[in-house]
Amino acid sequence: MKSSNSQQLFEKAKTLMPGGVNSPVRAFNSVGGTPVFMKQGKGAYITDEDDNQYIDYCCSWGPLILGHANENTENAIIETVRKGTSFGAPTALENELAELIISNHSYIEKIRFVSSGTEAVMSALRLARGVTGKSKIIKFEGCYHGHVDSLLVKAGSGLVTLGESTSSGVPTSFTNETIVLPLNDEEKVETTLEQMHSEIAAIIIEPIPANNGLLLQSHKFLLHLRELCTKYNVLLIFDEVISGFRVGFEGATGLYKIQPDIITFGKIIGGGMPVGAYASSHAIMNHVSPLGNVYQAGTLSGNPVAMSAGIAQLKACLQEDFYHHLQHKADRLVDGVKKHIEAKGYEITIYNIGSIFWFAFSDMSHLTRADQINSGKMSLFAKVYHHLLENGIYFGPSGYEVGFVSAAHSNEDIDKTIAAMCNAFDTVLN
């Protein structure tokens, strides 16, 4: 595989940006080697600066559910750009995308657009605190909610403990407002709420945790969270930046049929453009400025280019059997690789839900917590990763990241990927 252009670009980038990247995982620290610099994408394929082509299962970390440079999305963007890129004023496109989402998502009544998933979560937390008049937040170890100061925390040392920062620059006073608990542990959540509910504004969770492996939670646990939040007057926030519109138009919320108080969304609602949103009932959203006293603003919020891309993409997602076909493709990939793993007796398990999948070097049939992931096996992932890269398959460069199937992947693409993955496991494990 040629890599000289990527290598030169990376050396230059390191003189211009911290670590040569604008987001840490892109630096390839988890897998080693030189980051691959991309220049083009079309459908299920991306091409790097050395003209190597790959079948892409990163999909810009999930939002490109139609694949790269989808014709309808692309045309909508171009048409809108010709009219202007930003106004800092309302546009009809904001109304259109908001109505498209709300009228097809039975769990929300009002929405506010922002520019990223992190911003959506930050705003949702502020809203929860403003509505309840309380300050502390419960989050779960293994769930990532963007680089919000109070959520860049790990678990403390006791049953009911405050979080400890995982990043320099986060004041202790911020992490003191966050309680970190293990996933899928009803007893610890209940104990914490019994002791501290008068201080806790909200529980935030990825209903489908997919930022640190794919840690599928039981429906019983998620339902119990809802019941406890109602009992103790605590708001339940579903962070659906990844799962929203991925496992169905109503995301995990619709899949599990559980009503959260606030939902956050990410770039998928903007066709991969820089977009996020938070949404809730009329009663809760009416606390947001200018109606209420919870302030949140953004010059690029509701950006017309992003809105037009989102309209085009989500209309496609609403087509009949869209998610059924997507699920069929993901099942084809997962089932094909599973058969080989079982035949060879490898200690590898593939987890999937909807069009999201993840493989771990483990024989556990159901991982639900971050501490169950065998970090010592990540060196095996790095070897598999580079073998796949050499054979034209692109995943996110970390063993903790999930993969995504898009509508652009053909059965032929899937079958090529099955063969490449099976060959990679054989090469690395034999």
Protein backbone atom coordinates (compact mmCIF):
# COMPACT_ATOMS: atom_id res chain seq x y z
CA MET A 1 0.00 0.00 0.00
CA LYS A 2 1.40 3.38 -0.99
CA SER A 3 1.60 5.89 1.85
CA SER A 4 4.24 8.51 0.96
CA ASN A 5 1.75 11.34 0.46
CA SER A 6 -0.02 10.63 3.74
CA GLN A 7 3.34 10.47 5.50
CA GLN A 8 4.42 13.82 4.09
CA LEU A 9 1.10 15.43 4.96
CA PHE A 10 1.29 14.08 8.51
CA GLU A 11 4.80 15.39 9.05
CA LYS A 12 3.64 18.82 7.90
CA ALA A 13 0.47 18.60 9.99
CA LYS A 14 2.51 17.93 13.15
CA THR A 15 4.15 21.33 12.75
CA LEU A 16 0.75 23.02 12.48
CA MET A 17 -1.65 21.18 14.83
CA PRO A 18 -1.25 19.34 18.15
CA GLY A 19 -0.24 15.81 17.24
CA GLY A 20 -0.89 16.66 13.61
CA VAL A 21 -4.65 16.18 13.97
CA ASN A 22 -7.82 18.02 14.91
CA SER A 23 -9.32 15.09 16.84
CA PRO A 24 -7.12 12.68 18.86
CA VAL A 25 -8.26 9.28 17.52
CA ARG A 26 -7.18 10.31 14.02
CA ALA A 27 -3.52 10.26 15.12
CA PHE A 28 -3.44 6.42 14.89
CA ASN A 29 -1.95 6.18 18.39
CA SER A 30 -4.19 3.19 19.14
CA VAL A 31 -3.09 1.19 16.11
CA GLY A 32 0.33 2.63 15.28
CA GLY A 33 1.61 3.83 11.96
CA THR A 34 0.84 6.92 9.93
CA PRO A 35 -2.70 8.33 9.72
CA VAL A 36 -4.32 7.92 6.33
CA PHE A 37 -5.22 11.28 4.79
CA MET A 38 -8.43 11.09 2.79
CA LYS A 39 -9.20 13.15 -0.28
CA GLN A 40 -12.42 11.74 -1.71
CA GLY A 41 -15.43 9.57 -0.99
CA LYS A 42 -18.22 8.19 -3.13
CA GLY A 43 -20.85 5.71 -2.05
CA ALA A 44 -19.29 3.05 0.17
CA TYR A 45 -15.74 3.93 -0.89
CA ILE A 46 -13.11 6.45 0.19
CA THR A 47 -9.81 7.26 -1.51
CA ASP A 48 -6.70 8.52 0.24
CA GLU A 49 -4.03 10.96 -0.91
CA ASP A 50 -1.96 8.07 -2.28
CA ASP A 51 -4.93 6.87 -4.37
CA ASN A 52 -5.55 3.78 -2.25
CA GLN A 53 -9.26 2.95 -2.21
CA TYR A 54 -11.13 1.45 0.73
CA ILE A 55 -14.59 0.13 1.54
CA ASP A 56 -15.49 2.46 4.39
CA TYR A 57 -17.13 1.29 7.62
CA CYS A 58 -16.31 4.43 9.61
CA CYS A 59 -18.80 6.56 7.64
CA SER A 60 -17.49 9.72 9.31
CA TRP A 61 -18.12 7.97 12.65
CA GLY A 62 -21.68 7.08 11.73
CA PRO A 63 -23.64 9.99 10.24
CA LEU A 64 -23.13 9.05 6.56
CA ILE A 65 -25.96 6.54 6.60
CA LEU A 66 -26.42 6.99 2.82
CA GLY A 67 -22.69 6.73 2.11
CA HIS A 68 -20.35 9.39 0.77
CA ALA A 69 -21.40 12.15 -1.65
CA ASN A 70 -24.98 10.93 -1.93
CA GLU A 71 -26.40 12.56 -5.04
CA ASN A 72 -29.55 14.03 -3.47
CA THR A 73 -27.71 15.31 -0.41
CA GLU A 74 -24.94 16.72 -2.56
CA ASN A 75 -27.40 18.53 -4.85
CA ALA A 76 -29.23 20.02 -1.86
CA ILE A 77 -25.97 21.33 -0.44
CA ILE A 78 -24.85 22.85 -3.75
CA GLU A 79 -28.20 24.50 -4.37
CA THR A 80 -28.20 26.03 -0.90
CA VAL A 81 -24.56 27.18 -1.02
CA ARG A 82 -25.33 29.12 -4.19
CA LYS A 83 -27.80 31.18 -2.16
CA GLY A 84 -25.37 31.83 0.70
CA THR A 85 -23.58 29.82 3.38
CA SER A 86 -24.68 31.54 6.58
CA PHE A 87 -26.97 34.38 7.62
CA GLY A 88 -27.13 34.34 11.41
CA ALA A 89 -30.87 34.77 10.89
CA PRO A 90 -33.83 32.35 10.65
CA THR A 91 -34.44 30.46 7.42
CA ALA A 92 -37.33 28.36 6.16
CA LEU A 93 -34.98 25.36 6.02
CA GLU A 94 -34.85 25.27 9.84
CA ASN A 95 -38.63 24.96 9.94
CA GLU A 96 -38.59 22.25 7.31
CA LEU A 97 -36.01 20.04 9.03
CA ALA A 98 -37.55 20.57 12.47
CA GLU A 99 -41.01 19.63 11.18
CA LEU A 100 -39.61 16.62 9.31
CA ILE A 101 -38.02 15.29 12.50
CA ILE A 102 -40.80 16.12 14.96
CA SER A 103 -43.64 14.83 12.77
CA ASN A 104 -41.89 11.46 12.43
CA HIS A 105 -40.54 11.12 15.98
CA SER A 106 -43.33 10.53 18.48
CA TYR A 107 -41.12 11.10 21.54
CA ILE A 108 -40.36 14.82 21.02
CA GLU A 109 -42.38 18.02 20.57
CA LYS A 110 -39.76 20.76 20.15
CA ILE A 111 -36.17 20.80 18.96
CA ARG A 112 -33.25 23.24 19.08
CA PHE A 113 -30.46 22.94 16.52
CA VAL A 114 -26.80 23.42 17.48
CA SER A 115 -23.53 22.69 15.69
CA SER A 116 -22.22 19.46 17.27
CA GLY A 117 -23.13 16.54 19.48
CA THR A 118 -20.96 17.93 22.26
CA GLU A 119 -22.83 21.22 22.11
CA ALA A 120 -26.15 19.35 22.17
CA VAL A 121 -25.16 17.47 25.34
CA MET A 122 -23.79 20.60 27.00
CA SER A 123 -27.08 22.39 26.28
CA ALA A 124 -29.17 19.44 27.46
CA LEU A 125 -27.34 19.36 30.80
CA ARG A 126 -27.84 23.10 31.29
CA LEU A 127 -31.51 22.69 30.45
CA ALA A 128 -31.91 19.83 32.93
CA ARG A 129 -30.29 21.90 35.67
CA GLY A 130 -32.42 24.90 34.80
CA VAL A 131 -35.65 22.90 34.84
CA THR A 132 -34.96 21.04 38.11
CA GLY A 133 -33.00 23.67 40.02
CA LYS A 134 -30.47 20.93 40.92
CA SER A 135 -26.83 20.63 39.88
CA LYS A 136 -25.44 17.09 39.93
CA ILE A 137 -25.49 14.66 36.99
CA ILE A 138 -25.22 10.86 36.94
CA LYS A 139 -23.32 9.39 33.99
CA PHE A 140 -22.11 5.86 33.33
CA GLU A 141 -18.60 4.54 32.90
CA GLY A 142 -18.14 3.54 29.28
CA CYS A 143 -20.47 6.21 27.89
CA TYR A 144 -18.92 9.17 26.07
CA HIS A 145 -20.87 12.40 25.71
CA GLY A 146 -18.41 14.66 23.92
CA HIS A 147 -15.74 16.83 25.51
CA VAL A 148 -18.04 18.61 27.97
CA ASP A 149 -15.95 19.49 31.05
CA SER A 150 -18.20 17.89 33.64
CA LEU A 151 -18.51 14.66 31.65
CA LEU A 152 -14.80 14.03 30.98
CA VAL A 153 -14.69 11.97 34.14
CA LYS A 154 -14.08 8.41 35.30
CA ALA A 155 -15.51 6.57 38.28
CA GLY A 156 -14.30 7.44 41.78
CA SER A 157 -13.40 4.97 44.50
CA GLY A 158 -16.66 4.26 46.31
CA LEU A 159 -20.24 3.17 45.77
CA VAL A 160 -21.56 6.71 45.51
CA THR A 161 -18.59 8.83 44.53
CA LEU A 162 -17.96 11.95 42.55
CA GLY A 163 -16.09 11.71 39.28
CA GLU A 164 -12.37 12.17 38.74
CA SER A 165 -11.21 14.14 35.70
CA THR A 166 -9.76 12.27 32.74
CA SER A 167 -8.40 15.47 31.17
CA SER A 168 -6.16 18.29 32.32
CA GLY A 169 -7.88 21.65 32.35
CA VAL A 170 -11.09 20.38 33.96
CA PRO A 171 -11.53 21.97 37.41
CA THR A 172 -12.32 19.68 40.33
CA SER A 173 -15.34 21.85 41.04
CA PHE A 174 -16.79 20.74 37.68
CA THR A 175 -16.21 17.02 38.23
CA ASN A 176 -17.67 17.32 41.71
CA GLU A 177 -21.00 17.80 39.99
CA THR A 178 -20.74 14.42 38.23
CA ILE A 179 -21.40 10.98 39.70
CA VAL A 180 -20.06 8.04 37.67
CA LEU A 181 -21.71 4.63 37.99
CA PRO A 182 -21.21 1.28 36.22
CA LEU A 183 -23.53 0.42 33.37
CA ASN A 184 -26.31 -2.14 33.79
CA ASP A 185 -26.25 -1.99 37.61
CA GLU A 186 -29.75 -1.18 38.84
CA GLU A 187 -28.84 -1.44 42.51
CA LYS A 188 -26.13 1.23 42.41
CA VAL A 189 -28.36 3.65 40.52
CA GLU A 190 -31.16 3.14 43.01
CA THR A 191 -28.86 3.53 46.03
CA THR A 192 -27.39 6.72 44.59
CA LEU A 193 -30.77 8.26 43.93
CA GLU A 194 -32.05 7.29 47.37
CA GLN A 195 -29.13 9.11 49.00
CA MET A 196 -28.69 12.10 46.69
CA HIS A 197 -31.85 12.66 44.61
CA SER A 198 -32.35 16.14 46.08
CA GLU A 199 -29.07 17.18 44.41
CA ILE A 200 -29.33 15.27 41.12
CA ALA A 201 -30.76 17.06 38.09
CA ALA A 202 -30.45 14.29 35.52
CA ILE A 203 -29.17 10.89 34.52
CA ILE A 204 -27.50 10.87 31.11
CA ILE A 205 -26.84 7.66 29.20
CA GLU A 206 -26.21 6.43 25.70
CA PRO A 207 -29.17 4.01 25.48
CA ILE A 208 -26.97 2.13 23.03
CA PRO A 209 -23.44 2.78 24.35
CA ALA A 210 -21.30 2.83 21.21
CA ASN A 211 -18.33 5.06 21.98
CA ASN A 212 -16.36 2.53 24.01
CA GLY A 213 -17.21 -0.70 22.30
CA LEU A 214 -20.83 -1.69 21.73
CA LEU A 215 -22.11 -2.26 25.26
CA LEU A 216 -25.72 -3.24 24.72
CA GLN A 217 -27.87 -2.63 27.78
CA SER A 218 -30.84 -4.70 28.85
CA HIS A 219 -34.26 -3.24 28.20
CA LYS A 220 -35.00 -3.90 31.89
CA PHE A 221 -32.12 -1.65 32.99
CA LEU A 222 -33.14 1.22 30.72
CA LEU A 223 -36.77 0.91 31.79
CA HIS A 224 -35.70 0.92 35.44
CA LEU A 225 -33.81 4.18 34.84
CA ARG A 226 -37.03 5.70 33.54
CA GLU A 227 -38.98 4.49 36.57
CA LEU A 228 -36.37 5.75 39.04
CA CYS A 229 -36.08 9.15 37.37
CA THR A 230 -39.85 9.58 37.54
CA LYS A 231 -39.93 8.46 41.19
CA TYR A 232 -37.17 10.85 42.31
CA ASN A 233 -38.00 13.85 40.08
CA VAL A 234 -34.80 13.48 38.07
CA LEU A 235 -34.68 14.04 34.29
CA LEU A 236 -33.58 11.19 32.00
CA ILE A 237 -31.39 12.24 29.06
CA PHE A 238 -30.83 9.83 26.18
CA ASP A 239 -27.67 10.72 24.28
CA GLU A 240 -28.56 9.51 20.79
CA VAL A 241 -25.72 11.23 18.94
CA ILE A 242 -24.76 7.80 17.54
CA SER A 243 -27.93 5.73 17.84
CA GLY A 244 -30.38 8.41 16.75
CA PHE A 245 -31.72 7.76 13.22
CA ARG A 246 -29.23 4.84 13.00
CA VAL A 247 -31.21 1.97 14.53
CA GLY A 248 -34.48 3.42 13.29
CA PHE A 249 -35.86 6.89 12.64
CA GLU A 250 -36.81 7.20 16.32
CA GLY A 251 -33.46 5.76 17.37
CA ALA A 252 -33.03 3.74 20.54
CA THR A 253 -35.88 5.69 22.11
CA GLY A 254 -38.33 4.20 19.60
CA LEU A 255 -36.61 0.81 19.53
CA TYR A 256 -36.96 0.36 23.29
CA LYS A 257 -40.19 2.39 23.54
CA ILE A 258 -38.94 4.36 26.53
CA GLN A 259 -39.74 8.07 26.91
CA PRO A 260 -36.71 10.10 28.02
CA ASP A 261 -37.11 13.70 29.14
CA ILE A 262 -34.47 15.07 26.75
CA ILE A 263 -32.81 13.53 23.67
CA THR A 264 -29.59 14.71 22.03
CA PHE A 265 -28.77 14.16 18.36
CA GLY A 266 -25.64 14.49 16.22
CA LYS A 267 -24.40 14.95 12.68
CA ILE A 268 -26.69 12.36 11.12
CA ILE A 269 -29.48 14.97 11.16
CA GLY A 270 -27.32 17.15 8.91
CA GLY A 271 -26.15 14.61 6.36
CA GLY A 272 -22.71 14.61 7.97
CA MET A 273 -22.45 18.40 8.14
CA PRO A 274 -21.56 20.01 11.52
CA VAL A 275 -24.95 19.75 13.25
CA GLY A 276 -26.41 18.64 16.55
CA ALA A 277 -29.70 19.11 18.35
CA TYR A 278 -31.51 18.56 21.60
CA ALA A 279 -35.22 17.93 21.82
CA SER A 280 -37.94 17.38 24.38
CA SER A 281 -41.52 18.19 25.30
CA HIS A 282 -43.07 21.64 24.96
CA ALA A 283 -42.98 22.05 28.73
CA ILE A 284 -39.24 21.40 29.05
CA MET A 285 -38.12 23.17 25.86
CA ASN A 286 -40.07 26.28 26.81
CA HIS A 287 -37.44 26.84 29.51
CA VAL A 288 -34.93 27.66 26.73
CA SER A 289 -34.23 31.29 25.88
CA PRO A 290 -35.91 33.40 24.53
CA LEU A 291 -39.02 31.80 26.09
CA GLY A 292 -37.31 30.82 29.33
CA ASN A 293 -34.25 31.53 31.44
CA VAL A 294 -31.93 28.76 30.19
CA TYR A 295 -29.58 30.54 27.80
CA GLN A 296 -28.13 28.88 24.72
CA ALA A 297 -27.11 30.47 21.42
CA GLY A 298 -24.98 29.91 18.33
CA THR A 299 -24.25 31.87 15.18
CA LEU A 300 -24.13 28.71 13.06
CA SER A 301 -27.06 26.96 14.77
CA GLY A 302 -29.57 26.05 12.08
CA ASN A 303 -27.02 26.75 9.35
CA PRO A 304 -28.89 26.60 6.02
CA VAL A 305 -26.35 24.35 4.28
CA ALA A 306 -26.51 21.83 7.10
CA MET A 307 -30.29 22.03 7.25
CA SER A 308 -30.66 21.30 3.53
CA ALA A 309 -28.30 18.32 3.79
CA GLY A 310 -30.26 16.99 6.74
CA ILE A 311 -33.58 17.32 4.94
CA ALA A 312 -32.27 15.35 1.95
CA GLN A 313 -30.75 12.60 4.09
CA LEU A 314 -33.63 12.13 6.52
CA LYS A 315 -36.19 12.02 3.69
CA ALA A 316 -34.24 9.06 2.33
CA CYS A 317 -34.28 7.42 5.77
CA LEU A 318 -38.08 7.71 5.80
CA GLN A 319 -38.48 5.67 2.63
CA GLU A 320 -40.32 2.39 3.06
CA ASP A 321 -38.16 -0.48 4.37
CA PHE A 322 -35.03 1.71 4.51
CA TYR A 323 -33.99 0.42 7.92
CA HIS A 324 -35.05 -3.13 7.08
CA HIS A 325 -32.66 -3.19 4.11
CA LEU A 326 -29.89 -1.62 6.20
CA GLN A 327 -30.35 -4.23 8.91
CA HIS A 328 -30.21 -6.99 6.30
CA LYS A 329 -26.82 -5.74 5.07
CA ALA A 330 -25.40 -5.53 8.58
CA ASP A 331 -26.70 -9.02 9.40
CA ARG A 332 -25.10 -10.37 6.21
CA LEU A 333 -21.72 -8.97 7.28
CA VAL A 334 -21.93 -10.07 10.91
CA ASP A 335 -23.32 -13.53 10.18
CA GLY A 336 -20.70 -14.18 7.50
CA VAL A 337 -17.81 -13.36 9.84
CA LYS A 338 -19.41 -15.18 12.78
CA LYS A 339 -19.55 -18.44 10.83
CA HIS A 340 -15.81 -18.28 10.19
CA ILE A 341 -15.01 -17.38 13.80
CA GLU A 342 -17.08 -20.29 15.11
CA ALA A 343 -15.58 -22.72 12.60
CA LYS A 344 -12.06 -21.72 13.63
CA GLY A 345 -12.80 -21.55 17.34
CA TYR A 346 -11.42 -18.04 17.72
CA GLU A 347 -12.09 -16.07 20.90
CA ILE A 348 -13.73 -13.23 19.01
CA THR A 349 -17.28 -12.03 19.42
CA ILE A 350 -19.14 -9.69 17.08
CA TYR A 351 -21.90 -7.55 18.55
CA ASN A 352 -24.41 -5.64 16.47
CA ILE A 353 -27.65 -3.72 16.62
CA GLY A 354 -29.26 -2.21 13.56
CA SER A 355 -26.46 -1.09 11.24
CA ILE A 356 -23.90 -0.72 14.06
CA PHE A 357 -21.37 -3.51 14.73
CA TRP A 358 -18.24 -4.14 16.79
CA PHE A 359 -15.87 -7.06 17.27
CA ALA A 360 -13.91 -7.82 20.41
CA PHE A 361 -11.26 -10.38 21.20
CA SER A 362 -13.42 -12.04 23.81
CA ASP A 363 -15.57 -15.14 24.16
CA MET A 364 -18.17 -13.32 26.26
CA SER A 365 -21.48 -13.43 24.46
CA HIS A 366 -22.71 -10.22 26.06
CA LEU A 367 -20.50 -7.33 27.18
CA THR A 368 -22.45 -4.66 29.06
CA ARG A 369 -19.75 -2.74 30.96
CA ALA A 370 -16.50 -1.02 30.06
CA ASP A 371 -14.51 -3.03 32.61
CA GLN A 372 -15.40 -6.24 30.77
CA ILE A 373 -13.40 -5.18 27.68
CA ASN A 374 -10.00 -6.87 27.59
CA SER A 375 -7.67 -3.94 26.91
CA GLY A 376 -4.74 -6.34 26.73
CA LYS A 377 -6.10 -7.69 23.44
CA MET A 378 -6.04 -4.31 21.69
CA SER A 379 -2.62 -5.15 20.23
CA LEU A 380 -4.38 -7.89 18.25
CA PHE A 381 -6.87 -5.36 16.95
CA ALA A 382 -4.00 -3.16 15.73
CA LYS A 383 -2.61 -6.06 13.69
CA VAL A 384 -6.02 -6.89 12.26
CA TYR A 385 -6.62 -3.21 11.50
CA HIS A 386 -3.47 -2.84 9.39
CA HIS A 387 -4.13 -6.11 7.59
CA LEU A 388 -7.59 -4.84 6.65
CA LEU A 389 -6.18 -1.49 5.60
CA GLU A 390 -3.70 -3.21 3.29
CA ASN A 391 -6.61 -5.10 1.77
CA GLY A 392 -8.85 -2.11 1.15
CA ILE A 393 -11.11 -2.12 4.24
CA TYR A 394 -11.30 1.00 6.42
CA PHE A 395 -12.50 0.98 10.04
CA GLY A 396 -12.07 3.67 12.68
CA PRO A 397 -8.47 3.43 13.97
CA SER A 398 -9.24 2.11 17.47
CA GLY A 399 -10.41 -1.20 18.84
CA TYR A 400 -12.93 0.62 21.00
CA GLU A 401 -14.70 2.19 18.01
CA VAL A 402 -17.72 0.64 16.35
CA GLY A 403 -18.33 0.14 12.63
CA PHE A 404 -21.27 1.29 10.53
CA VAL A 405 -22.97 -0.13 7.46
CA SER A 406 -24.46 2.40 5.04
CA ALA A 407 -27.16 2.18 2.39
CA ALA A 408 -24.38 2.54 -0.19
CA HIS A 409 -22.74 -0.78 0.74
CA SER A 410 -23.60 -3.46 -1.83
CA ASN A 411 -23.77 -7.18 -1.20
CA GLU A 412 -20.54 -7.45 -3.17
CA ASP A 413 -18.90 -4.92 -0.82
CA ILE A 414 -20.14 -6.88 2.16
CA ASP A 415 -18.86 -10.19 0.80
CA LYS A 416 -15.43 -8.67 0.04
CA THR A 417 -15.33 -7.41 3.61
CA ILE A 418 -16.26 -10.80 5.06
CA ALA A 419 -13.44 -12.42 3.10
CA ALA A 420 -10.95 -9.71 4.16
CA MET A 421 -11.91 -9.93 7.84
CA CYS A 422 -11.72 -13.72 7.89
CA ASN A 423 -8.31 -13.59 6.22
CA ALA A 424 -7.11 -10.95 8.70
CA PHE A 425 -8.16 -13.08 11.68
CA ASP A 426 -6.48 -16.15 10.18
CA THR A 427 -3.26 -14.22 9.54
CA VAL A 428 -3.08 -12.63 12.98
CA LEU A 429 -4.28 -15.56 15.12
CA ASN A 430 -2.49 -18.48 13.42
